[in-house]
Amino acid sequence: MAKKKRKNLKFDKLKKKHKEADNKFIRRFAWNYFLCMAAFFCLIKIKFIQDIIDINGLYTEYIVVLASKIIGFTGLPCAYQGSLLKLPTITLNVKFGCNGLEVAMIFLIALLVYPASWKKKFIGISLGLIFLQFINLIRIAGLAYAGEYYKSMFNLLHFYVGQGIMFVFVLFAILFYLNFEEGFSKNLQKNKIVISLSIFAVSFVLFLALWLQVKDSYNKGLAYMASHITAFVKDVRFESIEGEKESLTVFFYIHKPGNKGKAQMGMEGVGVYTRSTPLIFGIFGGLFFFIKRRKRAYLEGVLILVLIHLLYFATSEIMGLSTIMAKEGIENTTGFWMWFWNFLVDFAIWLVPFFVGGVTFFRFSEFSLSNQPGQLNQLSRKQ
């Protein structure tokens, strides 16, 4: 009995040790990834760097040329100029987010900061980037064809389906790389990935159908909560919200000394910044076989998503109200809120699906030693 108790105590200590190691790895990976992604955004967003070398501009021109050639193969006349693809009845402007650069950087940085040999990193990065850009070029060509012949479906395909395709491929390209990496090949079977892709597709379609019905109510609810946060931060009184669907107007009452009265602020295209929601729920479905403690994982993922959306809405309102108050001479500057809002715009649109999916995967992955009692039993016997 005492021997069994000592063995259980030893096992518990070993499990705690591996759990601490897992948490340390996750923190180190997340921190390194955040720093590298921040450096990437500085390279493409800071003006004086753009004056030296416009990475996004050069990359976009390269993608536009290739996309025009692929579109031409379909028999659809296509000319290009800068970031523009000119078709007979529509012109597409290929911007950051559409050119595939952010997807390439998400994949590239993930492989660079993940511990592995440089040989495996080189093979994974080379094959992965070629694969992802091939998919992106097909996506652009498909959107061009839809814009020319199926205009009523263009926004749905552009904002939801096209984005979903790119993010699911980058997420599962990373999973394929983990399968390639030594130590994971025994746990990450290829049939799981095939099944997960199927689950993602079904989940994405179902949640997209649901999202199209509830998105306006969700966005208005977020705007309502964000307005109360804004009123607290700016020391004003929230009055009301008017408008429907993509266009909302928020009313505040400013009661500063010498300046009293209503201030109204318009919020246009609010759905753009929450449109990745069905994609994220699709990713949750695709990760089903790769995570443990699924109930907690999904609850945490949804909470993180809602908090990010709420932060964006609140920052947007605070920036808009700060601009109004600066014009009235109540405040001096809106620099911080403008910078923070611009950061959140890119983050909310392009990086949230990978961020939420990545956090869920690395926190609750079945590859974690603390989530694998079988491996811990083997290790405890070796001790």
Protein backbone atom coordinates (compact mmCIF):
# COMPACT_ATOMS: atom_id res chain seq x y z
CA MET A 1 0.00 0.00 0.00
CA ALA A 2 2.80 2.38 0.95
CA LYS A 3 4.66 1.42 -2.23
CA LYS A 4 1.58 2.24 -4.35
CA LYS A 5 1.17 5.56 -2.53
CA ARG A 6 4.81 6.48 -3.22
CA LYS A 7 4.33 5.52 -6.88
CA ASN A 8 1.23 7.72 -7.16
CA LEU A 9 3.06 10.60 -5.48
CA LYS A 10 5.95 10.17 -7.91
CA PHE A 11 3.52 10.13 -10.84
CA ASP A 12 1.80 13.32 -9.60
CA LYS A 13 5.14 15.09 -9.29
CA LEU A 14 6.13 13.97 -12.77
CA LYS A 15 2.80 15.15 -14.19
CA LYS A 16 3.18 18.53 -12.48
CA LYS A 17 6.72 18.83 -13.84
CA HIS A 18 5.59 18.19 -17.42
CA LYS A 19 2.63 20.53 -17.04
CA GLU A 20 4.97 23.31 -15.94
CA ALA A 21 7.23 22.54 -18.91
CA ASP A 22 4.23 22.70 -21.25
CA ASN A 23 3.12 26.05 -19.85
CA LYS A 24 6.65 27.42 -20.18
CA PHE A 25 6.84 26.27 -23.80
CA ILE A 26 3.44 27.83 -24.61
CA ARG A 27 4.43 31.15 -23.02
CA ARG A 28 7.77 31.21 -24.84
CA PHE A 29 6.19 30.30 -28.18
CA ALA A 30 3.39 32.88 -27.80
CA TRP A 31 5.79 35.64 -26.74
CA ASN A 32 8.23 34.96 -29.59
CA TYR A 33 5.37 34.77 -32.07
CA PHE A 34 3.92 38.07 -30.84
CA LEU A 35 7.28 39.84 -31.11
CA CYS A 36 7.93 38.51 -34.62
CA MET A 37 4.42 39.40 -35.81
CA ALA A 38 4.76 42.91 -34.31
CA ALA A 39 8.08 43.32 -36.14
CA PHE A 40 6.40 42.18 -39.36
CA PHE A 41 3.64 44.78 -39.02
CA CYS A 42 6.24 47.46 -38.36
CA LEU A 43 8.01 46.49 -41.60
CA ILE A 44 4.89 46.94 -43.69
CA LYS A 45 3.10 49.74 -41.80
CA ILE A 46 5.73 52.29 -40.70
CA LYS A 47 6.02 54.99 -43.33
CA PHE A 48 9.77 55.62 -43.29
CA ILE A 49 10.36 51.87 -43.79
CA GLN A 50 7.86 51.89 -46.65
CA ASP A 51 9.82 54.77 -48.23
CA ILE A 52 12.94 52.57 -48.23
CA ILE A 53 11.27 49.33 -49.32
CA ASP A 54 7.54 48.75 -49.71
CA ILE A 55 7.36 45.03 -48.97
CA ASN A 56 3.58 44.89 -49.22
CA GLY A 57 3.56 46.86 -52.48
CA LEU A 58 6.18 44.70 -54.14
CA TYR A 59 4.53 41.51 -52.98
CA THR A 60 1.13 42.71 -54.19
CA GLU A 61 2.45 43.53 -57.67
CA TYR A 62 3.99 40.06 -57.90
CA ILE A 63 0.71 38.38 -56.89
CA VAL A 64 -1.35 40.58 -59.24
CA VAL A 65 0.82 39.63 -62.23
CA LEU A 66 0.52 35.91 -61.47
CA ALA A 67 -3.22 36.17 -60.79
CA SER A 68 -3.82 37.96 -64.09
CA LYS A 69 -2.07 35.14 -65.93
CA ILE A 70 -4.20 32.49 -64.20
CA ILE A 71 -7.39 34.46 -64.91
CA GLY A 72 -6.31 34.73 -68.55
CA PHE A 73 -6.06 30.93 -68.75
CA THR A 74 -9.81 30.73 -68.01
CA GLY A 75 -10.56 32.77 -71.13
CA LEU A 76 -11.59 35.85 -69.14
CA PRO A 77 -9.85 39.03 -70.42
CA CYS A 78 -7.76 40.55 -67.63
CA ALA A 79 -5.29 43.44 -67.49
CA TYR A 80 -3.33 44.63 -64.46
CA GLN A 81 -1.90 47.90 -63.19
CA GLY A 82 -0.24 48.17 -59.80
CA SER A 83 -2.58 46.45 -57.35
CA LEU A 84 -5.54 46.50 -59.76
CA LEU A 85 -6.96 43.61 -61.76
CA LYS A 86 -9.08 45.03 -64.58
CA LEU A 87 -11.79 42.81 -65.98
CA PRO A 88 -14.51 43.71 -68.53
CA THR A 89 -17.17 44.74 -65.95
CA ILE A 90 -15.31 44.88 -62.63
CA THR A 91 -11.98 46.04 -61.22
CA LEU A 92 -10.47 44.28 -58.21
CA ASN A 93 -8.08 46.11 -55.90
CA VAL A 94 -5.77 43.51 -54.32
CA LYS A 95 -4.86 44.98 -50.92
CA PHE A 96 -3.11 43.65 -47.84
CA GLY A 97 -5.22 40.76 -46.64
CA CYS A 98 -6.17 39.81 -50.19
CA ASN A 99 -2.65 39.39 -51.51
CA GLY A 100 -1.86 36.48 -49.17
CA LEU A 101 1.06 38.22 -47.43
CA GLU A 102 -0.49 38.00 -43.97
CA VAL A 103 -1.20 34.27 -44.47
CA ALA A 104 2.40 33.73 -45.58
CA MET A 105 3.72 35.55 -42.51
CA ILE A 106 1.40 33.66 -40.13
CA PHE A 107 2.78 30.39 -41.49
CA LEU A 108 6.40 31.55 -41.80
CA ILE A 109 6.65 32.96 -38.27
CA ALA A 110 4.92 29.92 -36.72
CA LEU A 111 7.52 27.61 -38.26
CA LEU A 112 10.43 29.90 -37.43
CA VAL A 113 9.63 30.19 -33.71
CA TYR A 114 8.63 26.54 -33.27
CA PRO A 115 11.64 24.51 -32.06
CA ALA A 116 12.89 22.21 -34.82
CA SER A 117 16.00 21.65 -36.92
CA TRP A 118 16.74 24.27 -39.58
CA LYS A 119 16.61 21.59 -42.26
CA LYS A 120 13.03 20.73 -41.37
CA LYS A 121 12.13 24.41 -41.06
CA PHE A 122 13.54 25.11 -44.52
CA ILE A 123 11.64 22.20 -46.11
CA GLY A 124 8.41 23.09 -44.30
CA ILE A 125 8.60 26.81 -45.09
CA SER A 126 9.50 26.30 -48.75
CA LEU A 127 6.78 23.77 -49.53
CA GLY A 128 4.22 25.51 -47.31
CA LEU A 129 4.63 28.97 -48.85
CA ILE A 130 4.41 27.58 -52.40
CA PHE A 131 1.27 25.64 -51.49
CA LEU A 132 -0.42 28.57 -49.71
CA GLN A 133 0.25 31.04 -52.49
CA PHE A 134 -1.03 28.59 -55.07
CA ILE A 135 -4.28 28.34 -53.10
CA ASN A 136 -4.41 32.14 -52.77
CA LEU A 137 -3.96 32.66 -56.52
CA ILE A 138 -6.78 30.21 -57.22
CA ARG A 139 -8.91 32.10 -54.68
CA ILE A 140 -8.25 35.46 -56.40
CA ALA A 141 -9.04 33.96 -59.81
CA GLY A 142 -12.25 32.48 -58.42
CA LEU A 143 -13.30 35.85 -56.96
CA ALA A 144 -12.58 37.53 -60.29
CA TYR A 145 -14.78 34.99 -62.06
CA ALA A 146 -17.55 35.44 -59.47
CA GLY A 147 -17.31 39.23 -59.70
CA GLU A 148 -17.73 39.02 -63.46
CA TYR A 149 -20.52 36.46 -63.71
CA TYR A 150 -22.08 36.10 -60.23
CA LYS A 151 -22.08 39.60 -58.76
CA SER A 152 -24.86 38.88 -56.27
CA MET A 153 -22.65 36.27 -54.57
CA PHE A 154 -19.40 38.24 -54.69
CA ASN A 155 -19.53 39.73 -51.16
CA LEU A 156 -20.42 36.39 -49.60
CA LEU A 157 -17.58 34.64 -51.43
CA HIS A 158 -15.11 37.47 -50.76
CA PHE A 159 -15.76 38.20 -47.09
CA TYR A 160 -16.60 34.74 -45.83
CA VAL A 161 -15.78 31.82 -48.13
CA GLY A 162 -12.51 33.20 -49.53
CA GLN A 163 -11.18 34.17 -46.12
CA GLY A 164 -12.28 30.83 -44.68
CA ILE A 165 -10.42 28.91 -47.36
CA MET A 166 -7.14 30.72 -46.71
CA PHE A 167 -7.17 30.46 -42.94
CA VAL A 168 -8.14 26.82 -42.81
CA PHE A 169 -5.33 25.97 -45.23
CA VAL A 170 -2.74 27.90 -43.23
CA LEU A 171 -3.91 26.32 -39.98
CA PHE A 172 -3.78 22.81 -41.34
CA ALA A 173 -0.52 23.48 -43.18
CA ILE A 174 0.94 24.06 -39.72
CA LEU A 175 -0.63 20.82 -38.49
CA PHE A 176 0.93 18.96 -41.43
CA TYR A 177 4.28 20.43 -40.44
CA LEU A 178 3.82 19.16 -36.89
CA ASN A 179 3.12 15.76 -38.40
CA PHE A 180 6.42 16.07 -40.27
CA GLU A 181 8.26 17.07 -37.11
CA GLU A 182 9.80 14.18 -35.15
CA GLY A 183 7.81 13.10 -32.13
CA PHE A 184 4.44 14.05 -33.57
CA SER A 185 4.18 11.57 -36.42
CA LYS A 186 2.99 8.82 -34.06
CA ASN A 187 0.18 10.95 -32.67
CA LEU A 188 -1.04 13.00 -35.64
CA GLN A 189 -2.36 10.49 -38.15
CA LYS A 190 -3.17 11.66 -41.65
CA ASN A 191 -6.70 10.30 -41.45
CA LYS A 192 -7.38 12.63 -38.52
CA ILE A 193 -6.41 15.60 -40.67
CA VAL A 194 -8.69 14.48 -43.52
CA ILE A 195 -11.60 14.00 -41.10
CA SER A 196 -10.85 17.34 -39.44
CA LEU A 197 -10.92 19.15 -42.77
CA SER A 198 -14.32 17.60 -43.42
CA ILE A 199 -15.59 18.62 -39.98
CA PHE A 200 -14.27 22.14 -40.54
CA ALA A 201 -16.11 22.41 -43.87
CA VAL A 202 -19.42 21.23 -42.39
CA SER A 203 -19.03 23.39 -39.25
CA PHE A 204 -18.12 26.45 -41.28
CA VAL A 205 -21.15 26.12 -43.57
CA LEU A 206 -23.54 25.56 -40.66
CA PHE A 207 -22.20 28.43 -38.58
CA LEU A 208 -22.08 30.70 -41.63
CA ALA A 209 -25.79 30.07 -42.24
CA LEU A 210 -26.49 30.81 -38.56
CA TRP A 211 -24.19 33.85 -38.51
CA LEU A 212 -25.94 35.50 -41.45
CA GLN A 213 -29.13 35.43 -39.38
CA VAL A 214 -27.74 36.74 -36.08
CA LYS A 215 -24.78 38.96 -37.04
CA ASP A 216 -26.72 42.25 -37.02
CA SER A 217 -28.09 41.61 -33.53
CA TYR A 218 -24.65 40.52 -32.30
CA ASN A 219 -22.96 43.62 -33.70
CA LYS A 220 -25.59 45.93 -32.23
CA GLY A 221 -25.25 44.22 -28.85
CA LEU A 222 -21.47 44.69 -28.97
CA ALA A 223 -21.94 48.36 -29.89
CA TYR A 224 -24.29 48.79 -26.92
CA MET A 225 -21.78 47.30 -24.45
CA ALA A 226 -18.89 49.22 -26.04
CA SER A 227 -20.86 52.48 -25.70
CA HIS A 228 -21.08 52.02 -21.92
CA ILE A 229 -17.32 51.36 -21.79
CA THR A 230 -16.70 54.47 -23.91
CA ALA A 231 -18.95 56.57 -21.65
CA PHE A 232 -16.94 55.44 -18.61
CA VAL A 233 -13.52 56.03 -20.23
CA LYS A 234 -14.39 59.45 -21.68
CA ASP A 235 -16.57 60.58 -18.74
CA VAL A 236 -19.65 61.25 -20.87
CA ARG A 237 -23.22 59.92 -20.81
CA PHE A 238 -24.35 57.29 -23.28
CA GLU A 239 -27.70 58.24 -24.81
CA SER A 240 -28.75 55.77 -27.51
CA ILE A 241 -27.89 53.76 -30.63
CA GLU A 242 -29.77 54.16 -33.89
CA GLY A 243 -29.52 52.42 -37.23
CA GLU A 244 -29.61 48.87 -38.49
CA LYS A 245 -27.33 46.24 -40.03
CA GLU A 246 -23.93 47.61 -41.14
CA SER A 247 -24.55 51.28 -40.29
CA LEU A 248 -24.99 52.42 -36.67
CA THR A 249 -25.02 55.88 -35.06
CA VAL A 250 -24.12 56.24 -31.38
CA PHE A 251 -25.22 59.28 -29.36
CA PHE A 252 -23.39 60.59 -26.29
CA TYR A 253 -24.05 63.59 -24.05
CA ILE A 254 -20.91 65.59 -23.25
CA HIS A 255 -21.10 67.45 -19.96
CA LYS A 256 -17.64 68.97 -19.68
CA PRO A 257 -17.22 72.48 -18.19
CA GLY A 258 -18.01 75.00 -20.91
CA ASN A 259 -19.00 72.28 -23.40
CA LYS A 260 -22.36 70.61 -23.05
CA GLY A 261 -24.51 68.93 -25.65
CA LYS A 262 -25.03 65.81 -27.71
CA ALA A 263 -22.34 64.24 -29.85
CA GLN A 264 -23.20 61.68 -32.51
CA MET A 265 -20.75 59.26 -34.06
CA GLY A 266 -21.33 57.04 -37.05
CA MET A 267 -20.04 53.48 -37.28
CA GLU A 268 -20.06 52.22 -40.86
CA GLY A 269 -19.44 48.65 -41.99
CA VAL A 270 -19.33 47.25 -38.46
CA GLY A 271 -19.82 43.69 -39.75
CA VAL A 272 -16.41 43.71 -41.43
CA TYR A 273 -14.65 43.31 -38.08
CA THR A 274 -16.70 40.36 -36.83
CA ARG A 275 -17.05 38.52 -40.14
CA SER A 276 -14.43 35.91 -39.17
CA THR A 277 -16.76 34.49 -36.48
CA PRO A 278 -18.14 31.55 -38.54
CA LEU A 279 -14.60 30.79 -39.68
CA ILE A 280 -13.41 30.57 -36.07
CA PHE A 281 -16.26 28.23 -35.13
CA GLY A 282 -15.31 26.13 -38.15
CA ILE A 283 -11.72 26.00 -36.83
CA PHE A 284 -13.06 24.89 -33.44
CA GLY A 285 -14.80 22.02 -35.20
CA GLY A 286 -11.67 21.14 -37.17
CA LEU A 287 -9.60 21.00 -33.97
CA PHE A 288 -11.97 18.51 -32.31
CA PHE A 289 -9.61 15.52 -32.58
CA PHE A 290 -6.49 17.48 -31.59
CA ILE A 291 -7.53 18.96 -28.25
CA LYS A 292 -8.54 17.66 -24.84
CA ARG A 293 -10.91 19.23 -22.29
CA ARG A 294 -12.99 20.43 -25.22
CA LYS A 295 -15.76 22.09 -23.22
CA ARG A 296 -13.34 24.38 -21.44
CA ALA A 297 -11.31 24.92 -24.63
CA TYR A 298 -14.35 26.06 -26.61
CA LEU A 299 -15.67 28.25 -23.80
CA GLU A 300 -12.30 29.99 -23.47
CA GLY A 301 -12.06 30.41 -27.25
CA VAL A 302 -15.51 32.01 -27.49
CA LEU A 303 -14.75 34.30 -24.54
CA ILE A 304 -11.48 35.45 -26.13
CA LEU A 305 -13.27 36.11 -29.42
CA VAL A 306 -16.05 38.18 -27.82
CA LEU A 307 -13.53 40.19 -25.76
CA ILE A 308 -11.49 40.99 -28.90
CA HIS A 309 -14.62 42.12 -30.73
CA LEU A 310 -15.72 44.21 -27.76
CA LEU A 311 -12.25 45.77 -27.51
CA TYR A 312 -12.39 46.74 -31.18
CA PHE A 313 -15.86 48.29 -30.93
CA ALA A 314 -14.96 50.19 -27.76
CA THR A 315 -11.69 51.47 -29.24
CA SER A 316 -13.50 52.57 -32.40
CA GLU A 317 -16.04 54.54 -30.38
CA ILE A 318 -13.41 56.04 -28.07
CA MET A 319 -11.33 57.16 -31.05
CA GLY A 320 -14.36 58.68 -32.78
CA LEU A 321 -15.50 60.50 -29.66
CA SER A 322 -11.93 61.68 -28.94
CA THR A 323 -11.77 63.16 -32.45
CA ILE A 324 -15.02 65.07 -31.85
CA MET A 325 -13.83 66.32 -28.47
CA ALA A 326 -10.46 67.38 -29.92
CA LYS A 327 -12.23 69.46 -32.58
CA GLU A 328 -14.28 71.15 -29.85
CA GLY A 329 -11.12 71.96 -27.89
CA ILE A 330 -12.02 69.64 -25.01
CA GLU A 331 -9.00 67.38 -25.62
CA ASN A 332 -5.62 68.03 -27.17
CA THR A 333 -4.82 64.88 -29.13
CA THR A 334 -6.20 61.55 -30.32
CA GLY A 335 -2.85 60.02 -31.32
CA PHE A 336 -2.86 56.99 -29.02
CA TRP A 337 -6.41 55.94 -29.80
CA MET A 338 -5.84 56.38 -33.54
CA TRP A 339 -2.73 54.18 -33.42
CA PHE A 340 -4.43 51.55 -31.26
CA TRP A 341 -7.52 51.47 -33.49
CA ASN A 342 -5.40 51.04 -36.65
CA PHE A 343 -3.61 48.14 -34.98
CA LEU A 344 -6.89 46.51 -33.99
CA VAL A 345 -8.32 46.92 -37.52
CA ASP A 346 -5.61 44.68 -38.98
CA PHE A 347 -5.69 42.34 -35.99
CA ALA A 348 -9.48 41.99 -35.90
CA ILE A 349 -9.81 41.32 -39.63
CA TRP A 350 -6.81 39.17 -40.47
CA LEU A 351 -5.23 37.65 -37.36
CA VAL A 352 -8.08 36.82 -34.98
CA PRO A 353 -8.93 33.41 -36.55
CA PHE A 354 -5.34 32.20 -36.29
CA PHE A 355 -4.83 33.78 -32.86
CA VAL A 356 -7.92 32.20 -31.32
CA GLY A 357 -7.34 28.87 -33.09
CA GLY A 358 -3.65 28.90 -32.13
CA VAL A 359 -4.31 29.67 -28.46
CA THR A 360 -6.94 26.91 -28.30
CA PHE A 361 -4.63 24.40 -29.98
CA PHE A 362 -1.51 25.06 -27.93
CA ARG A 363 -3.38 25.33 -24.61
CA PHE A 364 -5.41 22.17 -25.03
CA SER A 365 -3.42 20.16 -27.57
CA GLU A 366 -3.39 16.38 -27.19
CA PHE A 367 0.37 16.56 -27.86
CA SER A 368 0.93 18.16 -24.47
CA LEU A 369 2.60 15.64 -22.15
CA SER A 370 0.33 16.81 -19.32
CA ASN A 371 -2.63 15.73 -21.50
CA GLN A 372 -1.19 12.25 -22.18
CA PRO A 373 -1.40 9.93 -19.13
CA GLY A 374 -0.12 7.02 -21.23
CA GLN A 375 3.17 8.77 -21.95
CA LEU A 376 3.46 9.86 -18.33
CA ASN A 377 2.99 6.26 -17.18
CA GLN A 378 5.82 5.18 -19.47
CA LEU A 379 8.04 7.95 -18.19
CA SER A 380 7.25 7.16 -14.57
CA ARG A 381 8.23 3.53 -15.10
CA LYS A 382 11.55 4.69 -16.57
CA GLN A 383 12.28 6.91 -13.59
